[in-house]
Amino acid sequence: MIFANEIHIACNRTGTDEQSILNVISQCSMEDLQLVSRAYYVSFGKPIYHLLKNEISGKFREIILGSFEGRYQYWIRQIREAIKAADQKAFIELVIMGNTYDWFQIKQQYFNTYDRNVVDDILKVLNNIAKNADWVKLLSGWIFQMRYPRCQPENDADELYKAAKGAGTDVNTFIRLFCSTTNEEFVQIARIYQEKYKIPLRQTIIIEFSGKSEKVFLLAHDYLISPTKGCCWIINNSINCSRDKSLVDITVLFRDQYSSEILQVYKESFGNLTKEIKQHCTGWFEKALLSLWKAQ
C-alpha cells in the first residue's frame, strides 16, 4: 500500500516525479509489483498501468509498464509481437533464455491468452524464414527441451568433439546435447572438452558455425554455462547493435533473476556494464537500466 501511494503522489505533483517511480520499481520484484498494482486499484479506483502510461514516455515507460505487466504475460506478448513481425533476433533471445519451467508457463499462458499454440505459431514463422537452417533446428529443439542428469560428461564431450571433427559438422549431436543437458553437467562437459582437446568448446562453435547459426549456438552455450552469462551476451549484443527494444525485454524479464551477479559476470566476458550503459543510453532509460541491474 505504501508503494502504491508513492506512485500516486509521484504522478500527481506539478511534473511527474520519475525518480520516485523508479525507486519503487527498483525496490520491488515483478511479483511484488503485481501486489502494488492491485493495491493501487483498491485505493484509487483505476489501473496503475493507465496512470503511468500517461505520465512517462519512451523506453523508460516500456520498462516501467512491462515491470507491472507480470513476467510471463510480458514474455508471451513479446513472442506474439515477434511472430507478427517475423523478428528473428527477438525469437532467438526469447526462446533461448527460457528454461524448461519457463516454457511450460509460456505454453500455458499463451494458450490461455490467445487461444493458440505458441509452438505451432513460432515454428510456422521460423520454417517460413529458413526451414533447414541450423539455428532454426536448435530453436525448435530448445522449445521442446527435456533436461535430465545424463551422468556421462566425458562421453558427451567426446561426442561433441567427434561431431565437429573432419569435414562437415554433425549438427544434430550439438542440438541433442544442448537441449537435454542440465546446466550443471554442461559446465563439466565444457571443462572436460577444453582439458582433453586443448580448445574451448565455445571456440569450436565459432569455428564450426557461421552467421546466425554461430550466434544462436554461442548464446545457447553461454546460457548453459550460466543463464547470467547468456543474459550478458544479449545485453552486450543489444548495446553493440543499438537494439534498445532488446535491452528493455532482457531487463524486464530477467533483472529479478540475475541482477545480483550481472556486473561480475559481464566484466569477465565484456567489460564494464555501467560504463557501457552510460555510453549507449541517455535520460531515464539510462537511469532505469543502471538501477534495475544494480550497476550504479
C-alpha atoms as a PDB file:
ATOM      1  CA  MET A   1       0.000   0.000   0.000  1.00  0.00           C
ATOM      2  CA  ILE A   2       2.914   2.346   0.734  1.00  0.00           C
ATOM      3  CA  PHE A   3       4.415   1.851  -2.742  1.00  0.00           C
ATOM      4  CA  ALA A   4       1.038   2.389  -4.401  1.00  0.00           C
ATOM      5  CA  ASN A   5       0.690   5.688  -2.543  1.00  0.00           C
ATOM      6  CA  GLU A   6       4.230   6.729  -3.501  1.00  0.00           C
ATOM      7  CA  ILE A   7       3.430   6.255  -7.174  1.00  0.00           C
ATOM      8  CA  HIS A   8       0.156   8.143  -6.788  1.00  0.00           C
ATOM      9  CA  ILE A   9       1.994  11.089  -5.224  1.00  0.00           C
ATOM     10  CA  ALA A  10       4.750  10.946  -7.880  1.00  0.00           C
ATOM     11  CA  CYS A  11       2.163  11.231 -10.655  1.00  0.00           C
ATOM     12  CA  ASN A  12       0.029  13.945  -9.075  1.00  0.00           C
ATOM     13  CA  ARG A  13       2.642  16.596  -8.495  1.00  0.00           C
ATOM     14  CA  THR A  14       3.375  19.500 -10.805  1.00  0.00           C
ATOM     15  CA  GLY A  15       5.532  17.497 -13.175  1.00  0.00           C
ATOM     16  CA  THR A  16       5.971  13.759 -12.844  1.00  0.00           C
ATOM     17  CA  ASP A  17       8.487  12.548 -10.268  1.00  0.00           C
ATOM     18  CA  GLU A  18      10.204   9.854 -12.368  1.00  0.00           C
ATOM     19  CA  GLN A  19      12.801   9.167  -9.694  1.00  0.00           C
ATOM     20  CA  SER A  20      10.158   8.172  -7.142  1.00  0.00           C
ATOM     21  CA  ILE A  21       8.560   5.840  -9.685  1.00  0.00           C
ATOM     22  CA  LEU A  22      11.930   4.259 -10.454  1.00  0.00           C
ATOM     23  CA  ASN A  23      12.669   3.892  -6.737  1.00  0.00           C
ATOM     24  CA  VAL A  24       9.521   1.817  -6.301  1.00  0.00           C
ATOM     25  CA  ILE A  25      10.325  -0.403  -9.303  1.00  0.00           C
ATOM     26  CA  SER A  26      13.899  -0.911  -8.104  1.00  0.00           C
ATOM     27  CA  GLN A  27      12.791  -1.991  -4.630  1.00  0.00           C
ATOM     28  CA  CYS A  28      10.156  -4.445  -5.873  1.00  0.00           C
ATOM     29  CA  SER A  29      10.295  -7.698  -7.793  1.00  0.00           C
ATOM     30  CA  MET A  30       7.813  -8.195 -10.629  1.00  0.00           C
ATOM     31  CA  GLU A  31       5.769 -10.344  -8.275  1.00  0.00           C
ATOM     32  CA  ASP A  32       5.742  -7.516  -5.711  1.00  0.00           C
ATOM     33  CA  LEU A  33       4.629  -5.081  -8.399  1.00  0.00           C
ATOM     34  CA  GLN A  34       1.563  -7.199  -9.089  1.00  0.00           C
ATOM     35  CA  LEU A  35       0.561  -6.566  -5.474  1.00  0.00           C
ATOM     36  CA  VAL A  36       1.337  -2.852  -5.820  1.00  0.00           C
ATOM     37  CA  SER A  37      -0.877  -2.739  -8.898  1.00  0.00           C
ATOM     38  CA  ARG A  38      -3.768  -4.348  -7.029  1.00  0.00           C
ATOM     39  CA  ALA A  39      -3.268  -2.062  -4.039  1.00  0.00           C
ATOM     40  CA  TYR A  40      -3.362   0.975  -6.318  1.00  0.00           C
ATOM     41  CA  TYR A  41      -6.626  -0.111  -7.898  1.00  0.00           C
ATOM     42  CA  VAL A  42      -8.209  -0.748  -4.493  1.00  0.00           C
ATOM     43  CA  SER A  43      -7.028   2.611  -3.154  1.00  0.00           C
ATOM     44  CA  PHE A  44      -7.621   4.886  -6.139  1.00  0.00           C
ATOM     45  CA  GLY A  45     -10.133   3.045  -8.321  1.00  0.00           C
ATOM     46  CA  LYS A  46      -8.176   2.907 -11.564  1.00  0.00           C
ATOM     47  CA  PRO A  47      -5.419   0.752 -13.111  1.00  0.00           C
ATOM     48  CA  ILE A  48      -1.888   1.865 -12.373  1.00  0.00           C
ATOM     49  CA  TYR A  49      -0.983   0.949 -15.959  1.00  0.00           C
ATOM     50  CA  HIS A  50      -3.203   3.708 -17.377  1.00  0.00           C
ATOM     51  CA  LEU A  51      -1.859   6.220 -14.890  1.00  0.00           C
ATOM     52  CA  LEU A  52       1.784   5.559 -15.739  1.00  0.00           C
ATOM     53  CA  LYS A  53       1.163   5.332 -19.476  1.00  0.00           C
ATOM     54  CA  ASN A  54       0.080   8.970 -19.463  1.00  0.00           C
ATOM     55  CA  GLU A  55       2.809  10.186 -17.109  1.00  0.00           C
ATOM     56  CA  ILE A  56       6.047   8.792 -18.603  1.00  0.00           C
ATOM     57  CA  SER A  57       7.325   8.092 -22.108  1.00  0.00           C
ATOM     58  CA  GLY A  58       9.867   6.367 -24.329  1.00  0.00           C
ATOM     59  CA  LYS A  59      11.906   3.325 -23.393  1.00  0.00           C
ATOM     60  CA  PHE A  60      11.623   4.292 -19.748  1.00  0.00           C
ATOM     61  CA  ARG A  61       7.870   3.868 -19.992  1.00  0.00           C
ATOM     62  CA  GLU A  62       8.287   0.489 -21.695  1.00  0.00           C
ATOM     63  CA  ILE A  63      10.438  -0.804 -18.833  1.00  0.00           C
ATOM     64  CA  ILE A  64       8.122   0.541 -16.132  1.00  0.00           C
ATOM     65  CA  LEU A  65       4.889  -0.681 -17.735  1.00  0.00           C
ATOM     66  CA  GLY A  66       6.462  -4.031 -18.596  1.00  0.00           C
ATOM     67  CA  SER A  67       7.535  -4.472 -14.995  1.00  0.00           C
ATOM     68  CA  PHE A  68       3.916  -4.136 -13.854  1.00  0.00           C
ATOM     69  CA  GLU A  69       2.596  -6.493 -16.513  1.00  0.00           C
ATOM     70  CA  GLY A  70       3.691  -9.804 -14.990  1.00  0.00           C
ATOM     71  CA  ARG A  71       6.704 -11.763 -16.205  1.00  0.00           C
ATOM     72  CA  TYR A  72       5.090 -14.457 -18.329  1.00  0.00           C
ATOM     73  CA  GLN A  73       2.358 -12.169 -19.600  1.00  0.00           C
ATOM     74  CA  TYR A  74       5.078  -9.811 -20.819  1.00  0.00           C
ATOM     75  CA  TRP A  75       7.061 -12.722 -22.255  1.00  0.00           C
ATOM     76  CA  ILE A  76       4.171 -14.104 -24.321  1.00  0.00           C
ATOM     77  CA  ARG A  77       3.281 -10.622 -25.565  1.00  0.00           C
ATOM     78  CA  GLN A  78       6.820 -10.149 -26.842  1.00  0.00           C
ATOM     79  CA  ILE A  79       6.688 -13.578 -28.504  1.00  0.00           C
ATOM     80  CA  ARG A  80       3.382 -12.621 -30.111  1.00  0.00           C
ATOM     81  CA  GLU A  81       4.881  -9.394 -31.420  1.00  0.00           C
ATOM     82  CA  ALA A  82       7.918 -11.275 -32.744  1.00  0.00           C
ATOM     83  CA  ILE A  83       5.614 -13.693 -34.541  1.00  0.00           C
ATOM     84  CA  LYS A  84       3.688 -10.873 -36.211  1.00  0.00           C
ATOM     85  CA  ALA A  85       6.898  -9.080 -37.228  1.00  0.00           C
ATOM     86  CA  ALA A  86       8.861 -12.275 -38.019  1.00  0.00           C
ATOM     87  CA  ASP A  87      11.598 -10.750 -35.834  1.00  0.00           C
ATOM     88  CA  GLN A  88      14.396 -13.338 -35.976  1.00  0.00           C
ATOM     89  CA  LYS A  89      16.635 -11.711 -33.372  1.00  0.00           C
ATOM     90  CA  ALA A  90      13.778 -11.427 -30.898  1.00  0.00           C
ATOM     91  CA  PHE A  91      12.888 -15.088 -31.440  1.00  0.00           C
ATOM     92  CA  ILE A  92      16.442 -16.164 -30.708  1.00  0.00           C
ATOM     93  CA  GLU A  93      16.627 -14.295 -27.403  1.00  0.00           C
ATOM     94  CA  LEU A  94      13.096 -15.020 -26.203  1.00  0.00           C
ATOM     95  CA  VAL A  95      13.442 -18.742 -26.941  1.00  0.00           C
ATOM     96  CA  ILE A  96      16.975 -19.483 -25.725  1.00  0.00           C
ATOM     97  CA  MET A  97      16.580 -17.625 -22.413  1.00  0.00           C
ATOM     98  CA  GLY A  98      13.678 -19.858 -21.397  1.00  0.00           C
ATOM     99  CA  ASN A  99      14.313 -22.941 -19.263  1.00  0.00           C
ATOM    100  CA  THR A 100      12.043 -25.989 -19.002  1.00  0.00           C
ATOM    101  CA  TYR A 101       9.781 -24.396 -16.387  1.00  0.00           C
ATOM    102  CA  ASP A 102       9.618 -21.134 -18.340  1.00  0.00           C
ATOM    103  CA  TRP A 103       8.470 -22.952 -21.454  1.00  0.00           C
ATOM    104  CA  PHE A 104       5.793 -24.811 -19.542  1.00  0.00           C
ATOM    105  CA  GLN A 105       4.441 -21.471 -18.305  1.00  0.00           C
ATOM    106  CA  ILE A 106       4.800 -19.777 -21.703  1.00  0.00           C
ATOM    107  CA  LYS A 107       2.866 -22.529 -23.495  1.00  0.00           C
ATOM    108  CA  GLN A 108       0.085 -22.472 -20.932  1.00  0.00           C
ATOM    109  CA  GLN A 109      -0.309 -18.702 -20.667  1.00  0.00           C
ATOM    110  CA  TYR A 110      -0.011 -18.149 -24.425  1.00  0.00           C
ATOM    111  CA  PHE A 111      -2.884 -20.557 -24.999  1.00  0.00           C
ATOM    112  CA  ASN A 112      -4.956 -19.003 -22.218  1.00  0.00           C
ATOM    113  CA  THR A 113      -4.412 -15.506 -23.615  1.00  0.00           C
ATOM    114  CA  TYR A 114      -4.508 -16.031 -27.372  1.00  0.00           C
ATOM    115  CA  ASP A 115      -6.272 -19.402 -27.677  1.00  0.00           C
ATOM    116  CA  ARG A 116      -3.394 -20.560 -29.871  1.00  0.00           C
ATOM    117  CA  ASN A 117      -0.475 -22.976 -29.621  1.00  0.00           C
ATOM    118  CA  VAL A 118       2.722 -20.977 -29.194  1.00  0.00           C
ATOM    119  CA  VAL A 119       4.920 -23.789 -30.518  1.00  0.00           C
ATOM    120  CA  ASP A 120       2.897 -24.051 -33.733  1.00  0.00           C
ATOM    121  CA  ASP A 121       2.959 -20.277 -34.189  1.00  0.00           C
ATOM    122  CA  ILE A 122       6.709 -19.992 -33.647  1.00  0.00           C
ATOM    123  CA  LEU A 123       7.661 -22.971 -35.804  1.00  0.00           C
ATOM    124  CA  LYS A 124       5.436 -21.768 -38.640  1.00  0.00           C
ATOM    125  CA  VAL A 125       7.273 -18.444 -38.765  1.00  0.00           C
ATOM    126  CA  LEU A 126      10.734 -19.969 -38.327  1.00  0.00           C
ATOM    127  CA  ASN A 127      10.161 -22.529 -41.064  1.00  0.00           C
ATOM    128  CA  ASN A 128       8.976 -19.797 -43.404  1.00  0.00           C
ATOM    129  CA  ILE A 129      12.159 -17.857 -42.684  1.00  0.00           C
ATOM    130  CA  ALA A 130      14.737 -20.644 -43.009  1.00  0.00           C
ATOM    131  CA  LYS A 131      13.309 -24.136 -42.651  1.00  0.00           C
ATOM    132  CA  ASN A 132      16.524 -26.158 -42.736  1.00  0.00           C
ATOM    133  CA  ALA A 133      18.885 -23.657 -41.124  1.00  0.00           C
ATOM    134  CA  ASP A 134      20.903 -24.986 -38.197  1.00  0.00           C
ATOM    135  CA  TRP A 135      19.797 -22.124 -35.923  1.00  0.00           C
ATOM    136  CA  VAL A 136      16.129 -22.860 -36.631  1.00  0.00           C
ATOM    137  CA  LYS A 137      16.672 -26.522 -35.772  1.00  0.00           C
ATOM    138  CA  LEU A 138      18.264 -25.543 -32.459  1.00  0.00           C
ATOM    139  CA  LEU A 139      15.437 -23.159 -31.554  1.00  0.00           C
ATOM    140  CA  SER A 140      12.884 -25.830 -32.429  1.00  0.00           C
ATOM    141  CA  GLY A 141      14.657 -28.344 -30.203  1.00  0.00           C
ATOM    142  CA  TRP A 142      15.074 -25.802 -27.415  1.00  0.00           C
ATOM    143  CA  ILE A 143      11.325 -25.244 -27.169  1.00  0.00           C
ATOM    144  CA  PHE A 144      10.897 -28.984 -26.535  1.00  0.00           C
ATOM    145  CA  GLN A 145      13.926 -29.222 -24.223  1.00  0.00           C
ATOM    146  CA  MET A 146      13.933 -32.060 -21.717  1.00  0.00           C
ATOM    147  CA  ARG A 147      16.834 -31.767 -19.310  1.00  0.00           C
ATOM    148  CA  TYR A 148      17.963 -34.569 -17.049  1.00  0.00           C
ATOM    149  CA  PRO A 149      21.224 -35.733 -15.426  1.00  0.00           C
ATOM    150  CA  ARG A 150      22.979 -37.693 -18.165  1.00  0.00           C
ATOM    151  CA  CYS A 151      25.848 -38.651 -15.828  1.00  0.00           C
ATOM    152  CA  GLN A 152      28.331 -39.026 -18.678  1.00  0.00           C
ATOM    153  CA  PRO A 153      30.090 -35.672 -19.164  1.00  0.00           C
ATOM    154  CA  GLU A 154      33.289 -37.180 -20.603  1.00  0.00           C
ATOM    155  CA  ASN A 155      31.354 -39.225 -23.129  1.00  0.00           C
ATOM    156  CA  ASP A 156      29.302 -36.143 -24.078  1.00  0.00           C
ATOM    157  CA  ALA A 157      32.489 -34.115 -24.521  1.00  0.00           C
ATOM    158  CA  ASP A 158      33.814 -36.842 -26.812  1.00  0.00           C
ATOM    159  CA  GLU A 159      30.593 -36.811 -28.817  1.00  0.00           C
ATOM    160  CA  LEU A 160      30.812 -33.082 -29.365  1.00  0.00           C
ATOM    161  CA  TYR A 161      34.424 -33.373 -30.451  1.00  0.00           C
ATOM    162  CA  LYS A 162      33.573 -36.113 -32.954  1.00  0.00           C
ATOM    163  CA  ALA A 163      30.616 -34.058 -34.190  1.00  0.00           C
ATOM    164  CA  ALA A 164      32.977 -31.179 -35.001  1.00  0.00           C
ATOM    165  CA  LYS A 165      35.850 -33.284 -36.337  1.00  0.00           C
ATOM    166  CA  GLY A 166      36.526 -33.622 -40.024  1.00  0.00           C
ATOM    167  CA  ALA A 167      34.603 -32.238 -42.971  1.00  0.00           C
ATOM    168  CA  GLY A 168      31.108 -31.078 -42.078  1.00  0.00           C
ATOM    169  CA  THR A 169      29.544 -30.659 -38.649  1.00  0.00           C
ATOM    170  CA  ASP A 170      27.195 -33.181 -37.084  1.00  0.00           C
ATOM    171  CA  VAL A 171      24.694 -30.509 -36.075  1.00  0.00           C
ATOM    172  CA  ASN A 172      22.198 -32.994 -34.665  1.00  0.00           C
ATOM    173  CA  THR A 173      24.643 -34.075 -31.954  1.00  0.00           C
ATOM    174  CA  PHE A 174      25.133 -30.473 -30.861  1.00  0.00           C
ATOM    175  CA  ILE A 175      21.379 -29.890 -30.802  1.00  0.00           C
ATOM    176  CA  ARG A 176      20.624 -33.123 -28.943  1.00  0.00           C
ATOM    177  CA  LEU A 177      23.145 -32.412 -26.194  1.00  0.00           C
ATOM    178  CA  PHE A 178      22.350 -28.707 -25.965  1.00  0.00           C
ATOM    179  CA  CYS A 179      18.642 -29.459 -25.493  1.00  0.00           C
ATOM    180  CA  SER A 180      18.945 -32.297 -22.981  1.00  0.00           C
ATOM    181  CA  THR A 181      21.942 -31.492 -20.775  1.00  0.00           C
ATOM    182  CA  THR A 182      21.489 -29.712 -17.451  1.00  0.00           C
ATOM    183  CA  ASN A 183      23.421 -26.505 -16.815  1.00  0.00           C
ATOM    184  CA  GLU A 184      25.478 -28.225 -14.120  1.00  0.00           C
ATOM    185  CA  GLU A 185      26.572 -31.049 -16.399  1.00  0.00           C
ATOM    186  CA  PHE A 186      27.182 -28.742 -19.345  1.00  0.00           C
ATOM    187  CA  VAL A 187      29.757 -26.887 -17.254  1.00  0.00           C
ATOM    188  CA  GLN A 188      31.500 -30.217 -16.672  1.00  0.00           C
ATOM    189  CA  ILE A 189      31.300 -31.109 -20.370  1.00  0.00           C
ATOM    190  CA  ALA A 190      32.849 -27.787 -21.393  1.00  0.00           C
ATOM    191  CA  ARG A 191      35.635 -28.158 -18.826  1.00  0.00           C
ATOM    192  CA  ILE A 192      36.448 -31.728 -19.889  1.00  0.00           C
ATOM    193  CA  TYR A 193      36.296 -30.725 -23.557  1.00  0.00           C
ATOM    194  CA  GLN A 194      38.880 -27.992 -23.078  1.00  0.00           C
ATOM    195  CA  GLU A 195      41.160 -30.107 -20.882  1.00  0.00           C
ATOM    196  CA  LYS A 196      41.071 -33.083 -23.220  1.00  0.00           C
ATOM    197  CA  TYR A 197      41.154 -31.396 -26.624  1.00  0.00           C
ATOM    198  CA  LYS A 198      43.039 -28.180 -25.764  1.00  0.00           C
ATOM    199  CA  ILE A 199      40.414 -25.876 -27.220  1.00  0.00           C
ATOM    200  CA  PRO A 200      37.379 -24.237 -25.568  1.00  0.00           C
ATOM    201  CA  LEU A 201      34.037 -25.626 -26.684  1.00  0.00           C
ATOM    202  CA  ARG A 202      32.958 -22.058 -27.356  1.00  0.00           C
ATOM    203  CA  GLN A 203      35.831 -21.617 -29.795  1.00  0.00           C
ATOM    204  CA  THR A 204      34.839 -24.834 -31.541  1.00  0.00           C
ATOM    205  CA  ILE A 205      31.358 -23.393 -32.084  1.00  0.00           C
ATOM    206  CA  ILE A 206      32.886 -20.281 -33.658  1.00  0.00           C
ATOM    207  CA  ILE A 207      34.925 -22.489 -35.994  1.00  0.00           C
ATOM    208  CA  GLU A 208      32.102 -24.867 -36.928  1.00  0.00           C
ATOM    209  CA  PHE A 209      29.198 -22.450 -37.347  1.00  0.00           C
ATOM    210  CA  SER A 210      28.757 -19.150 -39.131  1.00  0.00           C
ATOM    211  CA  GLY A 211      26.271 -16.314 -39.476  1.00  0.00           C
ATOM    212  CA  LYS A 212      23.089 -16.540 -37.448  1.00  0.00           C
ATOM    213  CA  SER A 213      23.773 -20.163 -36.516  1.00  0.00           C
ATOM    214  CA  GLU A 214      27.025 -19.167 -34.846  1.00  0.00           C
ATOM    215  CA  LYS A 215      25.241 -16.525 -32.780  1.00  0.00           C
ATOM    216  CA  VAL A 216      22.430 -18.861 -31.706  1.00  0.00           C
ATOM    217  CA  PHE A 217      24.742 -21.715 -30.730  1.00  0.00           C
ATOM    218  CA  LEU A 218      27.016 -19.285 -28.845  1.00  0.00           C
ATOM    219  CA  LEU A 219      24.060 -17.878 -26.921  1.00  0.00           C
ATOM    220  CA  ALA A 220      22.895 -21.405 -26.112  1.00  0.00           C
ATOM    221  CA  HIS A 221      26.422 -22.332 -24.994  1.00  0.00           C
ATOM    222  CA  ASP A 222      26.710 -19.272 -22.753  1.00  0.00           C
ATOM    223  CA  TYR A 223      23.250 -19.827 -21.288  1.00  0.00           C
ATOM    224  CA  LEU A 224      24.099 -23.433 -20.438  1.00  0.00           C
ATOM    225  CA  ILE A 225      27.342 -22.376 -18.776  1.00  0.00           C
ATOM    226  CA  SER A 226      25.303 -19.843 -16.782  1.00  0.00           C
ATOM    227  CA  PRO A 227      21.953 -18.158 -17.522  1.00  0.00           C
ATOM    228  CA  THR A 228      23.516 -14.935 -16.259  1.00  0.00           C
ATOM    229  CA  LYS A 229      26.220 -15.324 -18.900  1.00  0.00           C
ATOM    230  CA  GLY A 230      23.528 -15.737 -21.557  1.00  0.00           C
ATOM    231  CA  CYS A 231      21.870 -12.595 -20.256  1.00  0.00           C
ATOM    232  CA  CYS A 232      25.196 -10.737 -20.523  1.00  0.00           C
ATOM    233  CA  TRP A 233      25.613 -11.947 -24.110  1.00  0.00           C
ATOM    234  CA  ILE A 234      22.250 -10.429 -25.053  1.00  0.00           C
ATOM    235  CA  ILE A 235      22.919  -7.143 -23.242  1.00  0.00           C
ATOM    236  CA  ASN A 236      26.292  -6.772 -24.948  1.00  0.00           C
ATOM    237  CA  ASN A 237      24.883  -7.636 -28.362  1.00  0.00           C
ATOM    238  CA  SER A 238      21.975  -5.234 -27.860  1.00  0.00           C
ATOM    239  CA  ILE A 239      24.298  -2.392 -26.883  1.00  0.00           C
ATOM    240  CA  ASN A 240      26.680  -3.033 -29.789  1.00  0.00           C
ATOM    241  CA  CYS A 241      23.818  -3.241 -32.291  1.00  0.00           C
ATOM    242  CA  SER A 242      21.803  -0.372 -30.758  1.00  0.00           C
ATOM    243  CA  ARG A 243      18.811  -2.647 -30.112  1.00  0.00           C
ATOM    244  CA  ASP A 244      17.079  -0.755 -27.311  1.00  0.00           C
ATOM    245  CA  LYS A 245      13.972  -2.926 -27.573  1.00  0.00           C
ATOM    246  CA  SER A 246      16.069  -5.968 -26.693  1.00  0.00           C
ATOM    247  CA  LEU A 247      17.538  -4.105 -23.706  1.00  0.00           C
ATOM    248  CA  VAL A 248      14.034  -3.373 -22.485  1.00  0.00           C
ATOM    249  CA  ASP A 249      12.965  -7.013 -22.870  1.00  0.00           C
ATOM    250  CA  ILE A 250      16.000  -8.541 -21.164  1.00  0.00           C
ATOM    251  CA  THR A 251      15.706  -6.067 -18.283  1.00  0.00           C
ATOM    252  CA  VAL A 252      12.006  -6.642 -17.679  1.00  0.00           C
ATOM    253  CA  LEU A 253      12.249 -10.425 -17.944  1.00  0.00           C
ATOM    254  CA  PHE A 254      15.483 -11.185 -16.113  1.00  0.00           C
ATOM    255  CA  ARG A 255      16.604  -8.439 -13.749  1.00  0.00           C
ATOM    256  CA  ASP A 256      14.904 -10.206 -10.821  1.00  0.00           C
ATOM    257  CA  GLN A 257      16.833 -13.387 -11.553  1.00  0.00           C
ATOM    258  CA  TYR A 258      20.316 -12.148 -12.445  1.00  0.00           C
ATOM    259  CA  SER A 259      20.887  -8.576 -11.250  1.00  0.00           C
ATOM    260  CA  SER A 260      22.797  -9.695  -8.159  1.00  0.00           C
ATOM    261  CA  GLU A 261      25.639 -11.211 -10.204  1.00  0.00           C
ATOM    262  CA  ILE A 262      25.386  -9.479 -13.571  1.00  0.00           C
ATOM    263  CA  LEU A 263      28.185  -6.929 -13.006  1.00  0.00           C
ATOM    264  CA  GLN A 264      30.838  -9.545 -12.207  1.00  0.00           C
ATOM    265  CA  VAL A 265      29.793 -11.965 -14.948  1.00  0.00           C
ATOM    266  CA  TYR A 266      29.599  -9.163 -17.514  1.00  0.00           C
ATOM    267  CA  LYS A 267      33.039  -7.918 -16.512  1.00  0.00           C
ATOM    268  CA  GLU A 268      34.563 -11.369 -17.063  1.00  0.00           C
ATOM    269  CA  SER A 269      33.354 -11.516 -20.669  1.00  0.00           C
ATOM    270  CA  PHE A 270      32.745  -7.996 -21.952  1.00  0.00           C
ATOM    271  CA  GLY A 271      33.953  -5.276 -19.595  1.00  0.00           C
ATOM    272  CA  ASN A 272      32.296  -2.583 -17.507  1.00  0.00           C
ATOM    273  CA  LEU A 273      28.490  -2.770 -17.784  1.00  0.00           C
ATOM    274  CA  THR A 274      27.941   0.545 -16.024  1.00  0.00           C
ATOM    275  CA  LYS A 275      30.249   2.334 -18.438  1.00  0.00           C
ATOM    276  CA  GLU A 276      28.667   0.727 -21.493  1.00  0.00           C
ATOM    277  CA  ILE A 277      25.127   1.608 -20.422  1.00  0.00           C
ATOM    278  CA  LYS A 278      26.164   5.220 -19.822  1.00  0.00           C
ATOM    279  CA  GLN A 279      27.863   5.407 -23.221  1.00  0.00           C
ATOM    280  CA  HIS A 280      24.893   3.947 -25.082  1.00  0.00           C
ATOM    281  CA  CYS A 281      21.813   5.210 -23.239  1.00  0.00           C
ATOM    282  CA  THR A 282      20.552   8.556 -22.012  1.00  0.00           C
ATOM    283  CA  GLY A 283      17.929  10.074 -19.756  1.00  0.00           C
ATOM    284  CA  TRP A 284      15.546   7.998 -17.681  1.00  0.00           C
ATOM    285  CA  PHE A 285      16.145   4.948 -19.858  1.00  0.00           C
ATOM    286  CA  GLU A 286      19.797   5.003 -18.786  1.00  0.00           C
ATOM    287  CA  LYS A 287      18.864   5.568 -15.146  1.00  0.00           C
ATOM    288  CA  ALA A 288      16.377   2.687 -15.219  1.00  0.00           C
ATOM    289  CA  LEU A 289      18.914   0.251 -16.673  1.00  0.00           C
ATOM    290  CA  LEU A 290      21.583   1.264 -14.157  1.00  0.00           C
ATOM    291  CA  SER A 291      19.184   0.996 -11.240  1.00  0.00           C
ATOM    292  CA  LEU A 292      17.479  -2.277 -12.192  1.00  0.00           C
ATOM    293  CA  TRP A 293      20.766  -4.029 -12.977  1.00  0.00           C
ATOM    294  CA  LYS A 294      22.320  -2.595  -9.797  1.00  0.00           C
ATOM    295  CA  ALA A 295      25.020  -1.029 -11.970  1.00  0.00           C
ATOM    296  CA  GLN A 296      25.134   2.401 -10.345  1.00  0.00           C
END
